[in-house]
N, C-alpha and C. Protein backbone atom coordinates (compact mmCIF):
# COMPACT_ATOMS: atom_id res chain seq x y z
N MET A 1 0.68 -0.94 -0.24
CA MET A 1 -0.06 -0.06 -0.02
C MET A 1 1.29 1.44 0.08
N ASP A 2 0.30 2.31 -1.04
CA ASP A 2 1.61 3.28 -1.15
C ASP A 2 0.87 4.14 0.10
N SER A 3 -0.03 4.80 -0.01
CA SER A 3 -0.16 5.41 1.12
C SER A 3 -1.26 5.23 2.04
N LEU A 4 -2.15 5.42 2.91
CA LEU A 4 -3.15 5.60 3.75
C LEU A 4 -3.53 6.92 3.87
N PRO A 5 -4.93 7.15 3.91
CA PRO A 5 -5.37 8.17 3.97
C PRO A 5 -5.73 9.03 5.41
N ALA A 6 -5.18 10.16 5.48
CA ALA A 6 -5.05 10.88 6.87
C ALA A 6 -6.36 10.35 7.89
N ASP A 7 -7.62 10.37 8.04
CA ASP A 7 -8.75 9.49 8.54
C ASP A 7 -8.72 8.99 8.91
N LEU A 8 -8.08 7.71 8.08
CA LEU A 8 -7.77 6.39 8.98
C LEU A 8 -7.95 5.57 10.81
N ASP A 9 -9.14 5.44 10.54
CA ASP A 9 -8.86 5.09 11.96
C ASP A 9 -7.28 3.96 12.21
N PRO A 10 -7.05 4.12 13.66
CA PRO A 10 -5.54 3.17 14.11
C PRO A 10 -5.78 1.29 14.00
N VAL A 11 -7.15 0.95 13.48
CA VAL A 11 -7.25 -0.09 13.97
C VAL A 11 -7.42 -0.49 12.02
N SER A 12 -8.27 -0.04 11.23
CA SER A 12 -7.60 0.14 9.65
C SER A 12 -6.59 -0.17 9.30
N ALA A 13 -5.79 1.38 9.98
CA ALA A 13 -4.42 1.26 9.60
C ALA A 13 -4.30 -0.07 10.12
N ALA A 14 -3.99 -0.69 11.01
CA ALA A 14 -3.45 -1.86 11.46
C ALA A 14 -3.61 -3.08 10.50
N LEU A 15 -4.83 -3.10 10.01
CA LEU A 15 -5.53 -4.29 9.12
C LEU A 15 -4.36 -3.93 7.78
N ALA A 16 -4.63 -2.16 7.52
CA ALA A 16 -3.79 -2.51 6.32
C ALA A 16 -2.51 -2.72 6.48
N ASP A 17 -1.74 -2.28 7.58
CA ASP A 17 -0.64 -2.84 7.30
C ASP A 17 0.07 -4.58 7.68
N ALA A 18 -1.47 -4.65 7.67
CA ALA A 18 -1.47 -6.33 8.03
C ALA A 18 -0.42 -7.72 7.44
N GLU A 19 -0.14 -8.49 8.01
CA GLU A 19 0.44 -9.25 6.78
C GLU A 19 -0.48 -9.91 5.60
N PRO A 20 0.26 -9.94 4.47
CA PRO A 20 -0.64 -10.13 2.76
C PRO A 20 -1.35 -11.80 3.24
N ALA A 21 -2.43 -11.86 3.56
CA ALA A 21 -3.68 -12.86 3.31
C ALA A 21 -2.63 -14.24 2.62
N VAL A 22 -2.20 -13.94 1.45
CA VAL A 22 -1.34 -15.13 0.94
C VAL A 22 0.25 -14.74 0.77
N PRO A 23 1.13 -15.25 1.23
CA PRO A 23 2.73 -14.85 1.77
C PRO A 23 3.71 -15.21 0.50
N ALA A 24 3.99 -14.16 0.32
CA ALA A 24 4.87 -14.22 -0.81
C ALA A 24 5.70 -15.70 -0.69
N PRO A 25 6.23 -16.26 -2.31
CA PRO A 25 7.11 -17.09 -1.82
C PRO A 25 8.01 -17.42 -0.84
N GLY A 26 9.01 -18.03 0.05
CA GLY A 26 9.91 -18.26 0.48
C GLY A 26 9.48 -17.85 1.61
N ASP A 27 8.18 -17.12 1.92
CA ASP A 27 7.84 -16.94 3.10
C ASP A 27 6.80 -17.71 4.25
N LEU A 28 7.05 -17.38 5.28
CA LEU A 28 6.34 -18.41 5.99
C LEU A 28 4.98 -18.68 6.24
N THR A 29 3.94 -19.53 6.25
CA THR A 29 2.50 -19.37 6.10
C THR A 29 2.40 -19.26 6.98
N LEU A 30 0.82 -18.69 7.66
CA LEU A 30 -0.04 -18.72 8.81
C LEU A 30 0.80 -19.24 10.24
N PRO A 31 0.19 -20.74 9.83
CA PRO A 31 0.47 -22.09 10.45
C PRO A 31 1.98 -22.09 11.18
N GLU A 32 2.60 -21.71 10.25
CA GLU A 32 3.91 -22.06 10.61
C GLU A 32 4.69 -20.91 11.21
N ILE A 33 4.07 -19.88 11.46
CA ILE A 33 4.25 -18.67 11.84
C ILE A 33 3.86 -19.20 13.38
N GLN A 34 2.27 -19.07 13.41
CA GLN A 34 1.68 -19.66 14.84
C GLN A 34 2.48 -20.66 15.29
N LEU A 35 2.69 -21.91 15.01
CA LEU A 35 4.38 -22.62 15.51
C LEU A 35 4.90 -22.16 15.91
N ALA A 36 5.82 -21.14 15.03
CA ALA A 36 7.22 -21.08 15.51
C ALA A 36 7.30 -19.96 17.11
N ILE A 37 5.97 -19.62 16.49
CA ILE A 37 6.16 -18.11 17.99
C ILE A 37 5.18 -19.03 19.38
N ARG A 38 5.06 -20.03 19.25
CA ARG A 38 4.67 -20.96 20.27
C ARG A 38 5.95 -21.56 20.68
N ARG A 39 6.21 -21.78 19.88
CA ARG A 39 7.78 -22.71 19.98
C ARG A 39 8.86 -21.56 21.20
N ALA A 40 8.83 -20.92 20.81
CA ALA A 40 9.94 -19.44 21.49
C ALA A 40 9.20 -19.15 22.72
N ALA A 41 8.00 -18.74 22.27
CA ALA A 41 7.12 -18.76 24.37
C ALA A 41 7.53 -20.05 24.78
N ALA A 42 7.72 -21.28 23.77
CA ALA A 42 7.46 -22.34 25.40
C ALA A 42 8.99 -22.22 25.77
N ARG A 43 9.70 -21.98 25.05
CA ARG A 43 11.68 -22.21 24.99
C ARG A 43 11.60 -21.16 26.41
N LEU A 44 11.00 -20.12 26.27
CA LEU A 44 11.14 -18.31 26.67
C LEU A 44 10.65 -19.11 28.49
N CYS A 45 9.39 -19.66 28.90
CA CYS A 45 8.57 -20.09 29.63
C CYS A 45 9.71 -21.44 29.93
N GLY A 46 10.46 -22.04 29.33
CA GLY A 46 11.68 -23.06 29.81
C GLY A 46 12.34 -22.61 30.57
N GLN A 47 13.11 -21.35 30.26
CA GLN A 47 14.03 -20.49 30.71
C GLN A 47 13.77 -20.11 31.88
N LEU A 48 12.33 -19.62 31.56
CA LEU A 48 11.98 -19.02 33.44
C LEU A 48 11.43 -20.34 34.00
N ASN A 49 12.38 -21.01 33.91
CA ASN A 49 11.12 -22.66 34.81
C ASN A 49 9.68 -22.22 35.16
N TRP A 50 9.25 -22.24 33.87
CA TRP A 50 7.74 -22.25 33.66
C TRP A 50 7.52 -23.99 33.45
N ALA A 51 6.52 -24.37 33.74
CA ALA A 51 6.04 -26.03 33.28
C ALA A 51 5.20 -25.40 31.91
N VAL A 52 5.20 -26.34 30.95
CA VAL A 52 4.39 -25.43 30.16
C VAL A 52 3.12 -26.92 29.49
N LEU A 53 1.71 -26.62 28.97
CA LEU A 53 1.41 -27.47 28.42
C LEU A 53 0.77 -26.35 26.60
N HIS A 54 0.63 -27.50 25.84
CA HIS A 54 0.10 -26.63 24.50
C HIS A 54 -1.15 -27.34 24.53
N GLU A 55 -2.32 -25.65 23.63
CA GLU A 55 -3.32 -26.74 23.48
C GLU A 55 -4.68 -27.71 24.93
N VAL A 56 -4.55 -25.94 25.92
CA VAL A 56 -4.97 -27.27 27.19
C VAL A 56 -6.92 -26.37 27.60
N PRO A 57 -7.78 -27.85 27.42
CA PRO A 57 -8.92 -27.12 27.07
C PRO A 57 -9.42 -26.87 28.41
N LEU A 58 -10.31 -25.97 28.60
CA LEU A 58 -10.87 -24.62 29.68
C LEU A 58 -12.14 -25.01 30.36
N PRO A 59 -12.83 -24.78 31.34
CA PRO A 59 -13.77 -25.11 31.40
C PRO A 59 -15.08 -24.80 31.09
N ASN A 60 -13.72 -23.42 30.75
CA ASN A 60 -15.57 -22.74 29.97
C ASN A 60 -15.14 -22.86 28.77
N ASN A 61 -15.19 -23.68 28.00
CA ASN A 61 -14.55 -24.45 26.49
C ASN A 61 -14.25 -23.51 26.01
N ARG A 62 -12.98 -22.81 26.23
CA ARG A 62 -12.12 -22.31 25.37
C ARG A 62 -11.10 -23.35 25.49
N ARG A 63 -9.75 -22.76 24.76
CA ARG A 63 -8.77 -23.82 24.94
C ARG A 63 -7.60 -22.81 24.65
N ALA A 64 -6.81 -22.54 26.02
CA ALA A 64 -6.02 -21.96 25.86
C ALA A 64 -4.61 -22.57 25.03
N ASP A 65 -3.52 -21.51 24.25
CA ASP A 65 -2.72 -21.68 22.87
C ASP A 65 -1.35 -21.99 24.28
N ILE A 66 -1.29 -21.63 25.42
CA ILE A 66 -0.18 -21.84 26.28
C ILE A 66 -0.60 -22.33 27.66
N LEU A 67 -0.84 -23.04 28.36
CA LEU A 67 -1.20 -23.24 29.85
C LEU A 67 0.41 -22.91 30.80
N ALA A 68 0.63 -22.48 31.16
CA ALA A 68 2.21 -22.66 32.02
C ALA A 68 1.56 -22.29 33.71
N LEU A 69 2.84 -23.15 33.95
CA LEU A 69 2.46 -23.08 35.60
C LEU A 69 3.90 -22.84 36.37
N ARG A 70 3.96 -21.78 37.15
CA ARG A 70 5.30 -21.11 37.31
C ARG A 70 5.19 -21.71 38.62
N PRO A 71 6.88 -21.63 39.29
CA PRO A 71 7.69 -22.19 40.60
C PRO A 71 6.24 -22.10 41.49
N ASP A 72 6.42 -20.50 42.11
CA ASP A 72 5.51 -20.09 42.66
C ASP A 72 3.76 -21.21 43.02
N GLY A 73 3.73 -21.36 42.15
CA GLY A 73 2.21 -22.25 42.06
C GLY A 73 1.30 -21.79 41.04
N GLY A 74 1.62 -20.08 40.00
CA GLY A 74 0.80 -19.42 39.79
C GLY A 74 0.56 -19.81 38.21
N PHE A 75 -0.50 -19.40 38.05
CA PHE A 75 -1.00 -20.21 36.18
C PHE A 75 -0.50 -18.91 35.16
N CYS A 76 0.45 -18.98 34.58
CA CYS A 76 -0.44 -17.70 33.24
C CYS A 76 -0.89 -18.54 31.65
N CYS A 77 -1.65 -18.01 31.61
CA CYS A 77 -1.77 -17.88 29.94
C CYS A 77 -1.70 -16.82 28.86
N ILE A 78 -0.69 -18.19 27.70
CA ILE A 78 -0.34 -17.33 26.71
C ILE A 78 -0.80 -17.55 25.16
N GLU A 79 -1.58 -16.45 25.06
CA GLU A 79 -2.07 -16.42 24.00
C GLU A 79 -1.38 -16.43 22.85
N VAL A 80 -1.25 -16.87 21.62
CA VAL A 80 -0.25 -16.69 20.22
C VAL A 80 -1.04 -15.87 19.47
N LYS A 81 -0.13 -14.89 18.91
CA LYS A 81 -1.44 -14.15 17.92
C LYS A 81 0.03 -14.13 16.69
N SER A 82 -0.66 -14.13 15.65
CA SER A 82 0.09 -14.41 14.56
C SER A 82 0.45 -13.57 13.51
N GLY A 83 -0.08 -12.68 14.13
CA GLY A 83 -0.64 -10.55 13.21
C GLY A 83 -1.41 -10.00 13.74
N ALA A 84 -1.61 -9.18 12.92
CA ALA A 84 -2.62 -7.55 13.86
C ALA A 84 -4.16 -8.65 13.24
N ARG A 85 -4.38 -9.43 12.22
CA ARG A 85 -5.95 -9.37 12.17
C ARG A 85 -6.45 -10.73 12.90
N ASP A 86 -5.36 -11.75 13.27
CA ASP A 86 -5.49 -12.96 14.32
C ASP A 86 -5.78 -12.34 15.21
N PHE A 87 -5.13 -11.11 15.75
CA PHE A 87 -5.58 -10.94 17.53
C PHE A 87 -6.97 -9.65 17.22
N LEU A 88 -7.56 -8.87 15.82
CA LEU A 88 -8.80 -8.28 15.75
C LEU A 88 -9.69 -8.70 15.61
N CYS A 89 -9.46 -10.29 15.32
CA CYS A 89 -10.63 -10.95 14.61
C CYS A 89 -11.17 -11.71 16.07
N ASP A 90 -10.33 -11.67 17.20
CA ASP A 90 -10.82 -13.12 18.03
C ASP A 90 -11.25 -11.55 19.59
N ASN A 91 -12.48 -11.99 19.37
CA ASN A 91 -13.13 -11.40 21.00
C ASN A 91 -13.24 -12.28 22.14
N LYS A 92 -12.54 -13.68 22.31
CA LYS A 92 -12.26 -14.69 23.13
C LYS A 92 -11.73 -14.19 24.16
N TRP A 93 -10.50 -13.71 24.14
CA TRP A 93 -9.36 -13.48 24.54
C TRP A 93 -9.58 -13.37 25.82
N PRO A 94 -10.36 -12.56 25.90
CA PRO A 94 -10.84 -12.54 27.22
C PRO A 94 -11.20 -13.18 28.77
N GLU A 95 -11.72 -14.07 27.84
CA GLU A 95 -12.65 -15.55 28.57
C GLU A 95 -11.24 -15.93 29.48
N TYR A 96 -10.26 -16.20 29.30
CA TYR A 96 -8.94 -16.68 29.34
C TYR A 96 -8.55 -15.99 30.62
N ARG A 97 -8.74 -14.73 31.54
CA ARG A 97 -8.39 -14.05 32.54
C ARG A 97 -8.95 -15.18 33.90
N ASP A 98 -10.09 -15.90 33.78
CA ASP A 98 -10.71 -16.60 35.01
C ASP A 98 -9.54 -17.73 34.87
N TYR A 99 -9.32 -17.79 34.35
CA TYR A 99 -8.36 -19.09 34.55
C TYR A 99 -6.88 -19.21 34.16
N CYS A 100 -6.53 -18.19 34.71
CA CYS A 100 -4.77 -17.83 35.21
C CYS A 100 -5.15 -16.93 35.98
N ASP A 101 -3.83 -17.21 36.87
CA ASP A 101 -3.18 -15.79 37.54
C ASP A 101 -2.56 -14.23 36.54
N ALA A 102 -2.54 -14.68 35.61
CA ALA A 102 -1.57 -13.79 34.68
C ALA A 102 -1.90 -14.05 33.11
N LEU A 103 -2.27 -13.00 32.02
CA LEU A 103 -2.70 -12.89 30.68
C LEU A 103 -1.43 -12.19 30.41
N LEU A 104 -0.81 -13.70 29.09
CA LEU A 104 -0.08 -12.22 27.51
C LEU A 104 -0.02 -12.85 26.75
N PHE A 105 0.03 -12.09 26.34
CA PHE A 105 -0.04 -12.26 24.33
C PHE A 105 1.95 -12.82 23.80
N ALA A 106 1.89 -13.90 23.51
CA ALA A 106 2.71 -13.95 21.92
C ALA A 106 2.88 -13.82 20.39
N VAL A 107 3.74 -12.80 20.41
CA VAL A 107 3.38 -12.34 19.13
C VAL A 107 4.68 -12.18 18.45
N ASP A 108 5.09 -11.88 16.97
CA ASP A 108 6.33 -11.97 16.17
C ASP A 108 7.06 -10.50 16.19
N ASP A 109 7.67 -10.10 16.05
CA ASP A 109 8.89 -8.70 16.33
C ASP A 109 7.84 -7.87 14.89
N SER A 110 6.91 -8.51 14.07
CA SER A 110 6.73 -7.25 13.77
C SER A 110 5.02 -7.15 13.81
N PHE A 111 4.56 -7.51 14.78
CA PHE A 111 3.15 -7.50 15.40
C PHE A 111 2.89 -6.29 15.81
N PRO A 112 2.14 -5.04 15.39
CA PRO A 112 2.16 -3.79 16.00
C PRO A 112 1.99 -3.97 17.12
N GLN A 113 2.63 -3.73 18.33
CA GLN A 113 2.68 -4.10 19.71
C GLN A 113 0.86 -2.84 19.96
N ALA A 114 0.54 -1.38 19.99
CA ALA A 114 -0.01 -0.94 20.28
C ALA A 114 -1.49 -1.54 19.82
N LEU A 115 -1.68 -2.50 19.75
CA LEU A 115 -3.16 -2.72 18.96
C LEU A 115 -3.23 -3.70 20.18
N LEU A 116 -2.32 -4.38 21.04
CA LEU A 116 -2.31 -4.77 22.30
C LEU A 116 -2.98 -4.04 23.21
N PRO A 117 -4.01 -5.21 24.51
CA PRO A 117 -4.18 -4.05 25.64
C PRO A 117 -2.99 -4.07 26.29
N PRO A 118 -3.39 -2.52 27.43
CA PRO A 118 -1.66 -1.95 27.71
C PRO A 118 -2.03 -3.68 28.94
N ASP A 119 -3.09 -4.52 30.05
CA ASP A 119 -3.46 -4.76 31.36
C ASP A 119 -2.79 -6.78 30.92
N VAL A 120 -2.42 -6.64 29.83
CA VAL A 120 -1.61 -8.04 29.34
C VAL A 120 -0.11 -7.86 29.34
N GLY A 121 0.64 -9.35 29.67
CA GLY A 121 1.72 -9.63 29.34
C GLY A 121 2.68 -9.37 28.34
N LEU A 122 3.58 -9.30 27.81
CA LEU A 122 3.91 -9.83 26.37
C LEU A 122 4.94 -10.25 26.29
N ILE A 123 4.88 -10.88 24.87
CA ILE A 123 6.10 -11.87 25.00
C ILE A 123 6.33 -12.01 23.37
N VAL A 124 7.67 -11.58 22.65
CA VAL A 124 7.93 -11.11 21.40
C VAL A 124 9.03 -12.14 20.84
N ALA A 125 8.51 -12.47 19.61
CA ALA A 125 9.54 -13.81 18.77
C ALA A 125 10.66 -13.28 17.69
N CYS A 126 11.38 -13.57 17.41
CA CYS A 126 11.42 -13.28 15.88
C CYS A 126 11.09 -14.56 15.36
N VAL A 127 10.69 -14.71 14.19
CA VAL A 127 10.16 -15.56 13.45
C VAL A 127 10.72 -14.84 11.91
N GLY A 128 11.64 -16.38 11.73
CA GLY A 128 11.74 -15.89 9.83
C GLY A 128 13.13 -16.19 9.94
N PRO A 129 13.49 -16.46 8.52
CA PRO A 129 15.54 -16.71 8.54
C PRO A 129 15.58 -16.10 9.17
N HIS A 130 15.62 -14.44 8.52
CA HIS A 130 16.04 -13.18 9.41
C HIS A 130 16.58 -13.29 10.48
N CYS A 131 15.74 -14.51 11.34
CA CYS A 131 16.10 -13.90 12.92
C CYS A 131 17.78 -14.92 12.94
N ARG A 132 17.89 -16.25 12.61
CA ARG A 132 18.97 -16.62 13.05
C ARG A 132 19.20 -17.72 11.48
N PRO A 133 19.92 -17.20 11.12
CA PRO A 133 20.80 -17.89 9.93
C PRO A 133 20.42 -19.69 9.96
N GLY A 134 19.89 -20.53 9.00
CA GLY A 134 19.39 -21.23 8.87
C GLY A 134 18.14 -22.29 9.78
N GLY A 135 17.16 -20.68 10.65
CA GLY A 135 16.58 -21.13 11.33
C GLY A 135 15.74 -20.40 11.46
N VAL A 136 14.50 -21.04 11.50
CA VAL A 136 13.20 -20.25 11.70
C VAL A 136 12.70 -19.55 12.68
N PHE A 137 13.14 -19.72 13.40
CA PHE A 137 13.45 -18.49 14.87
C PHE A 137 14.08 -18.48 15.74
N ALA A 138 13.81 -17.35 16.66
CA ALA A 138 15.28 -17.34 17.22
C ALA A 138 14.36 -17.33 18.85
N GLU A 139 15.26 -16.63 19.96
CA GLU A 139 14.64 -17.12 21.28
C GLU A 139 13.71 -16.10 21.57
N ALA A 140 12.77 -16.44 22.38
CA ALA A 140 11.76 -15.14 22.60
C ALA A 140 11.94 -14.26 24.06
N GLU A 141 11.63 -12.81 23.91
CA GLU A 141 11.79 -11.84 24.67
C GLU A 141 10.35 -11.87 26.12
N LEU A 142 10.76 -11.66 27.02
CA LEU A 142 9.56 -11.41 27.74
C LEU A 142 9.27 -9.73 27.48
N LEU A 143 9.04 -9.37 27.27
CA LEU A 143 8.73 -6.96 27.18
C LEU A 143 8.41 -6.68 27.96
N ARG A 144 6.76 -7.21 28.32
CA ARG A 144 6.36 -6.80 29.31
C ARG A 144 5.83 -7.47 30.27
N GLU A 145 5.62 -7.35 32.37
CA GLU A 145 5.03 -8.79 32.95
C GLU A 145 4.07 -8.67 32.45
N PRO A 146 3.24 -9.62 32.69
CA PRO A 146 1.31 -9.52 32.75
C PRO A 146 1.63 -8.73 34.67
N PRO A 147 0.03 -7.74 34.76
CA PRO A 147 0.26 -7.46 36.14
C PRO A 147 -0.95 -8.99 36.52
N ALA A 148 -0.71 -9.14 38.25
CA ALA A 148 -1.71 -10.58 38.40
C ALA A 148 -2.89 -10.19 39.04
N HIS A 149 -3.98 -11.22 38.72
CA HIS A 149 -4.99 -11.36 39.06
C HIS A 149 -5.28 -13.02 39.92
N PRO A 150 -4.75 -12.72 40.95
CA PRO A 150 -5.22 -14.06 41.45
C PRO A 150 -6.01 -15.20 41.44
N LEU A 151 -5.88 -16.08 41.14
CA LEU A 151 -7.01 -17.34 40.99
C LEU A 151 -7.78 -17.02 42.70
N SER A 152 -9.43 -17.49 42.37
CA SER A 152 -9.53 -18.36 44.29
C SER A 152 -8.82 -19.49 44.46
N PRO A 153 -8.62 -20.22 45.22
CA PRO A 153 -8.05 -21.07 45.99
C PRO A 153 -8.66 -22.34 45.11
N ALA A 154 -10.10 -22.08 44.71
CA ALA A 154 -10.65 -23.24 44.69
C ALA A 154 -10.45 -23.44 43.28
N ARG A 155 -10.61 -22.48 42.00
CA ARG A 155 -10.39 -22.30 41.17
C ARG A 155 -9.22 -22.73 40.53
N ARG A 156 -7.80 -22.44 41.12
CA ARG A 156 -6.38 -23.27 41.45
C ARG A 156 -6.40 -24.40 41.71
N ARG A 157 -7.54 -25.23 42.43
CA ARG A 157 -6.87 -26.15 42.47
C ARG A 157 -7.08 -26.61 41.59
N GLN A 158 -8.66 -26.70 41.30
CA GLN A 158 -9.31 -26.89 39.80
C GLN A 158 -8.75 -27.29 38.75
N LEU A 159 -7.91 -25.76 38.25
CA LEU A 159 -6.78 -25.58 37.48
C LEU A 159 -5.80 -26.50 37.34
N THR A 160 -5.13 -27.12 38.38
CA THR A 160 -3.36 -27.58 38.75
C THR A 160 -4.29 -28.83 38.53
N HIS A 161 -5.54 -29.67 38.89
CA HIS A 161 -5.55 -30.93 38.61
C HIS A 161 -5.98 -31.47 37.62
N ARG A 162 -6.33 -30.11 36.62
CA ARG A 162 -6.71 -30.63 35.37
C ARG A 162 -5.28 -30.35 34.64
N PHE A 163 -4.19 -28.85 35.06
CA PHE A 163 -2.88 -29.23 34.61
C PHE A 163 -2.46 -30.01 34.82
N ALA A 164 -2.27 -30.99 36.04
CA ALA A 164 -1.42 -32.51 36.29
C ALA A 164 -2.04 -33.69 35.66
N THR A 165 -3.88 -34.23 35.24
CA THR A 165 -3.92 -34.98 34.14
C THR A 165 -3.78 -34.51 32.77
N LEU A 166 -4.02 -33.90 32.39
CA LEU A 166 -3.93 -33.47 31.01
C LEU A 166 -2.33 -34.30 30.95
N ALA A 167 -1.07 -33.30 31.73
CA ALA A 167 0.05 -33.69 31.29
C ALA A 167 0.29 -35.20 31.42
N ALA A 168 -0.41 -35.36 32.69
CA ALA A 168 0.14 -37.47 32.88
C ALA A 168 -0.55 -38.22 31.61
N SER A 169 -1.51 -37.09 31.32
CA SER A 169 -2.42 -38.24 29.76
C SER A 169 -1.57 -38.51 29.01
N ARG A 170 -0.79 -36.95 28.25
CA ARG A 170 0.15 -36.76 26.82
C ARG A 170 1.32 -37.83 27.95
N LEU A 171 2.00 -37.61 28.60
CA LEU A 171 3.39 -38.54 28.57
C LEU A 171 2.98 -40.46 29.17
N ALA A 172 1.54 -40.53 29.23
CA ALA A 172 1.04 -40.95 28.98
C ALA A 172 1.33 -42.56 27.13
N MET A 173 0.53 -41.55 26.73
CA MET A 173 -0.14 -41.56 25.44
C MET A 173 1.67 -41.41 24.91
N LEU A 174 2.63 -40.94 25.34
CA LEU A 174 3.53 -41.18 24.96
C LEU A 174 4.47 -41.92 25.16
N GLU A 175 4.43 -42.72 26.71
CA GLU A 175 5.08 -44.10 26.31
C GLU A 175 4.10 -45.60 26.07
N ASP A 176 2.86 -45.17 25.61
CA ASP A 176 2.00 -46.04 25.00
C ASP A 176 0.68 -45.86 24.63
N PRO A 177 1.41 -45.73 22.90
CA PRO A 177 0.06 -44.86 22.14
C PRO A 177 -1.36 -45.76 22.52
N ALA A 178 -1.43 -46.96 22.33
CA ALA A 178 -2.19 -47.85 22.72
C ALA A 178 -3.31 -47.44 24.06
N ILE A 179 -2.37 -46.46 24.76
CA ILE A 179 -3.53 -46.18 25.56
C ILE A 179 -4.40 -45.29 25.93
N THR A 180 -4.36 -44.51 24.50
CA THR A 180 -5.02 -43.62 24.59
C THR A 180 -6.95 -44.01 24.72
N ALA A 181 -7.11 -45.25 24.15
CA ALA A 181 -8.24 -45.48 24.32
C ALA A 181 -8.80 -45.88 25.58
N SER A 182 -8.04 -46.29 26.21
CA SER A 182 -8.69 -46.42 27.52
C SER A 182 -8.33 -45.14 28.50
N LEU A 183 -7.60 -44.23 28.04
CA LEU A 183 -7.84 -43.04 28.64
C LEU A 183 -9.28 -42.26 28.26
N ARG A 184 -9.77 -42.83 27.02
CA ARG A 184 -10.24 -41.82 26.44
C ARG A 184 -12.30 -42.50 27.52
N ALA A 185 -11.64 -43.70 27.48
CA ALA A 185 -13.25 -44.40 28.09
C ALA A 185 -12.84 -44.27 29.62
N ALA A 186 -12.39 -43.85 29.93
CA ALA A 186 -12.42 -43.08 31.58
C ALA A 186 -12.67 -41.96 31.48
N ARG A 187 -12.16 -41.15 30.86
CA ARG A 187 -12.52 -39.37 30.31
C ARG A 187 -14.42 -39.45 30.02
N ARG A 188 -15.15 -40.58 29.94
CA ARG A 188 -15.88 -40.64 29.15
C ARG A 188 -17.24 -41.17 30.83
N VAL A 189 -16.01 -42.05 31.69
CA VAL A 189 -17.23 -42.12 32.63
C VAL A 189 -17.21 -41.64 33.63
N GLU A 190 -16.09 -40.44 33.98
CA GLU A 190 -15.54 -39.31 34.79
C GLU A 190 -17.01 -38.82 34.49
């Protein structure tokens, strides 16, 4: 886009500057960008000594991209956004607050950060071959600490149980893929 009208609102301006609908040849696809951001964010969590699970179903029928358990017992929900359009089209992220002590967004280094609300944490990952020769992404960085909004003790207990059960189930399936049917049957009984 050569130039934008002066009266263009910030959301429209962000969309105009957003990623192209079809990536240029050699560029990463949106799923590849999302995966790279998620992996970089998970590696950062590991450096912070946070235990992570990906794609965690929450009791409100939402699914956290990353749910991280900190050493202090607190939970961080990390929502991965591949671009401005992905963020602007998502109106469900506020519903994650009820299931974490802190909410963060993980984005790539080209994301227009001014779009993100100020009351969330921010993780930025460098995505693409420009970040590391021969690699798709480099390590992520925590640019803004998330403000705390502590869970109630009952909600924390519920979430801790969910986190532990999901982690144990996934580990069991890695050990013995045939256990998947048994785990599904056990969930139906509960």
